[in-house]
Amino acid sequence: MGDPTRPPLQLACGQHVVIAAFDDIPEHEFKITEVFDDCVGGYSLTGPLAGEYGEPDFEMILRVID
C-alpha cells in the first residue's frame, strides 16, 4: 500500500510526473495520457525508456511536475 501520510495526488491527462526508479531504470519523467483506477497510462519522456508506453501504479509516482 501507499504511504498513509502522503496526500493523494490529483492526476489528469497531460500532466508530467516523476516515476520512481525501479530495477535498472532510473527516476524519469512521464507524461500521463490516461488515468485508470490503480495506475496511469502514458509515455516516458526521459531516461532509457523515453518514447515507450507504460502503466505505472500510483505508488510509483513521486511528484507532479506540471
N, C-alpha and C. Protein backbone atom coordinates (compact mmCIF):
# COMPACT_ATOMS: atom_id res chain seq x y z
N MET A 1 0.85 -1.19 0.00
CA MET A 1 0.00 0.00 0.00
C MET A 1 0.89 1.25 0.00
N GLY A 2 0.26 2.39 -0.34
CA GLY A 2 0.99 3.65 -0.37
C GLY A 2 1.26 4.20 1.01
N ASP A 3 1.98 5.28 1.06
CA ASP A 3 2.32 5.96 2.32
C ASP A 3 1.07 6.67 2.84
N PRO A 4 0.54 6.27 4.01
CA PRO A 4 -0.69 6.88 4.54
C PRO A 4 -0.52 8.34 4.93
N THR A 5 0.73 8.80 5.09
CA THR A 5 0.95 10.20 5.45
C THR A 5 1.07 11.09 4.22
N ARG A 6 1.15 10.49 3.05
CA ARG A 6 1.28 11.24 1.80
C ARG A 6 -0.10 11.60 1.27
N PRO A 7 -0.34 12.89 0.96
CA PRO A 7 -1.67 13.26 0.44
C PRO A 7 -1.88 12.64 -0.94
N PRO A 8 -3.12 12.34 -1.29
CA PRO A 8 -3.38 11.75 -2.61
C PRO A 8 -3.04 12.74 -3.72
N LEU A 9 -2.49 12.23 -4.81
CA LEU A 9 -2.16 13.07 -5.95
C LEU A 9 -3.40 13.33 -6.78
N GLN A 10 -3.51 14.52 -7.32
CA GLN A 10 -4.58 14.85 -8.25
C GLN A 10 -4.00 14.67 -9.65
N LEU A 11 -4.35 13.58 -10.30
CA LEU A 11 -3.73 13.24 -11.58
C LEU A 11 -4.71 13.45 -12.73
N ALA A 12 -4.18 13.96 -13.85
CA ALA A 12 -5.01 14.22 -15.02
C ALA A 12 -4.19 14.02 -16.29
N CYS A 13 -4.88 13.76 -17.37
CA CYS A 13 -4.23 13.62 -18.67
C CYS A 13 -3.46 14.90 -19.01
N GLY A 14 -2.29 14.72 -19.58
CA GLY A 14 -1.46 15.85 -19.96
C GLY A 14 -0.44 16.25 -18.92
N GLN A 15 -0.59 15.79 -17.69
CA GLN A 15 0.38 16.13 -16.64
C GLN A 15 1.68 15.38 -16.85
N HIS A 16 2.75 16.02 -16.39
CA HIS A 16 4.06 15.37 -16.35
C HIS A 16 4.34 15.02 -14.89
N VAL A 17 4.80 13.80 -14.66
CA VAL A 17 5.10 13.34 -13.31
C VAL A 17 6.49 12.71 -13.31
N VAL A 18 7.02 12.48 -12.12
CA VAL A 18 8.29 11.78 -11.97
C VAL A 18 7.98 10.39 -11.45
N ILE A 19 8.50 9.38 -12.16
CA ILE A 19 8.33 7.99 -11.79
C ILE A 19 9.57 7.53 -11.03
N ALA A 20 9.35 6.81 -9.94
CA ALA A 20 10.45 6.31 -9.11
C ALA A 20 11.32 5.32 -9.88
N ALA A 21 12.57 5.23 -9.48
CA ALA A 21 13.49 4.25 -10.07
C ALA A 21 13.01 2.84 -9.72
N PHE A 22 13.25 1.92 -10.64
CA PHE A 22 12.94 0.51 -10.41
C PHE A 22 13.89 -0.34 -11.26
N ASP A 23 14.16 -1.53 -10.80
CA ASP A 23 15.11 -2.42 -11.47
C ASP A 23 16.36 -1.62 -11.85
N ASP A 24 16.73 -1.58 -13.11
CA ASP A 24 17.89 -0.80 -13.55
C ASP A 24 17.49 0.50 -14.22
N ILE A 25 16.23 0.90 -14.06
CA ILE A 25 15.70 2.12 -14.69
C ILE A 25 15.74 3.25 -13.66
N PRO A 26 16.42 4.36 -13.99
CA PRO A 26 16.47 5.47 -13.04
C PRO A 26 15.15 6.24 -13.00
N GLU A 27 15.02 7.07 -11.99
CA GLU A 27 13.89 8.00 -11.89
C GLU A 27 13.77 8.73 -13.23
N HIS A 28 12.52 8.92 -13.71
CA HIS A 28 12.36 9.57 -15.01
C HIS A 28 11.03 10.31 -15.12
N GLU A 29 10.97 11.20 -16.09
CA GLU A 29 9.77 12.00 -16.34
C GLU A 29 8.82 11.21 -17.24
N PHE A 30 7.52 11.36 -16.98
CA PHE A 30 6.48 10.57 -17.64
C PHE A 30 5.30 11.48 -17.93
N LYS A 31 4.70 11.38 -19.12
CA LYS A 31 3.52 12.17 -19.47
C LYS A 31 2.29 11.27 -19.41
N ILE A 32 1.30 11.68 -18.61
CA ILE A 32 0.07 10.90 -18.44
C ILE A 32 -0.87 11.15 -19.63
N THR A 33 -1.33 10.04 -20.23
CA THR A 33 -2.33 10.14 -21.30
C THR A 33 -3.67 9.53 -20.89
N GLU A 34 -3.65 8.69 -19.83
CA GLU A 34 -4.87 8.06 -19.32
C GLU A 34 -4.73 7.89 -17.81
N VAL A 35 -5.85 8.01 -17.10
CA VAL A 35 -5.86 7.75 -15.66
C VAL A 35 -6.83 6.60 -15.41
N PHE A 36 -6.34 5.53 -14.81
CA PHE A 36 -7.15 4.35 -14.51
C PHE A 36 -7.43 4.30 -13.00
N ASP A 37 -8.09 3.25 -12.54
CA ASP A 37 -8.42 3.11 -11.12
C ASP A 37 -7.19 2.94 -10.24
N ASP A 38 -6.15 2.27 -10.74
CA ASP A 38 -4.99 1.96 -9.91
C ASP A 38 -3.66 2.34 -10.53
N CYS A 39 -3.70 2.95 -11.71
CA CYS A 39 -2.46 3.32 -12.39
C CYS A 39 -2.74 4.41 -13.43
N VAL A 40 -1.67 4.88 -14.05
CA VAL A 40 -1.81 5.83 -15.14
C VAL A 40 -1.17 5.23 -16.39
N GLY A 41 -1.64 5.64 -17.54
CA GLY A 41 -1.03 5.22 -18.79
C GLY A 41 -0.38 6.42 -19.43
N GLY A 42 0.70 6.19 -20.17
CA GLY A 42 1.35 7.29 -20.84
C GLY A 42 2.72 6.92 -21.34
N TYR A 43 3.53 7.94 -21.58
CA TYR A 43 4.83 7.73 -22.21
C TYR A 43 5.97 8.32 -21.39
N SER A 44 7.06 7.57 -21.31
CA SER A 44 8.28 8.06 -20.67
C SER A 44 8.87 9.15 -21.55
N LEU A 45 9.28 10.24 -20.93
CA LEU A 45 9.85 11.36 -21.67
C LEU A 45 11.36 11.42 -21.56
N THR A 46 11.93 10.83 -20.52
CA THR A 46 13.37 10.87 -20.31
C THR A 46 13.87 9.48 -19.92
N GLY A 47 15.17 9.32 -19.92
CA GLY A 47 15.77 8.07 -19.49
C GLY A 47 15.76 7.00 -20.57
N PRO A 48 16.16 5.78 -20.22
CA PRO A 48 16.29 4.71 -21.19
C PRO A 48 14.95 4.26 -21.79
N LEU A 49 13.84 4.59 -21.15
CA LEU A 49 12.53 4.21 -21.68
C LEU A 49 11.86 5.34 -22.46
N ALA A 50 12.57 6.42 -22.76
CA ALA A 50 11.99 7.56 -23.47
C ALA A 50 11.26 7.09 -24.72
N GLY A 51 10.01 7.53 -24.85
CA GLY A 51 9.19 7.18 -26.00
C GLY A 51 8.38 5.92 -25.83
N GLU A 52 8.63 5.17 -24.76
CA GLU A 52 7.93 3.91 -24.52
C GLU A 52 6.65 4.14 -23.71
N TYR A 53 5.59 3.38 -24.07
CA TYR A 53 4.33 3.43 -23.33
C TYR A 53 4.47 2.57 -22.08
N GLY A 54 3.82 3.01 -21.00
CA GLY A 54 3.81 2.23 -19.76
C GLY A 54 2.59 2.55 -18.94
N GLU A 55 2.34 1.74 -17.92
CA GLU A 55 1.21 1.93 -17.00
C GLU A 55 1.70 1.77 -15.56
N PRO A 56 2.43 2.77 -15.06
CA PRO A 56 2.93 2.66 -13.68
C PRO A 56 1.81 2.83 -12.64
N ASP A 57 1.91 2.06 -11.56
CA ASP A 57 0.97 2.19 -10.45
C ASP A 57 1.12 3.56 -9.80
N PHE A 58 0.08 4.01 -9.15
CA PHE A 58 0.10 5.31 -8.46
C PHE A 58 1.29 5.40 -7.50
N GLU A 59 1.62 4.30 -6.81
CA GLU A 59 2.70 4.31 -5.82
C GLU A 59 4.06 4.64 -6.44
N MET A 60 4.20 4.45 -7.75
CA MET A 60 5.45 4.73 -8.44
C MET A 60 5.64 6.23 -8.72
N ILE A 61 4.56 7.01 -8.60
CA ILE A 61 4.63 8.44 -8.90
C ILE A 61 5.16 9.18 -7.68
N LEU A 62 6.31 9.83 -7.86
CA LEU A 62 6.93 10.56 -6.75
C LEU A 62 6.36 11.96 -6.59
N ARG A 63 6.13 12.64 -7.72
CA ARG A 63 5.59 14.00 -7.66
C ARG A 63 5.07 14.41 -9.04
N VAL A 64 4.21 15.42 -9.02
CA VAL A 64 3.70 16.02 -10.25
C VAL A 64 4.63 17.19 -10.59
N ILE A 65 5.03 17.27 -11.86
CA ILE A 65 5.88 18.37 -12.32
C ILE A 65 5.02 19.53 -12.78
N ASP A 66 4.01 19.25 -13.61
CA ASP A 66 3.07 20.28 -14.06
C ASP A 66 1.78 19.65 -14.51
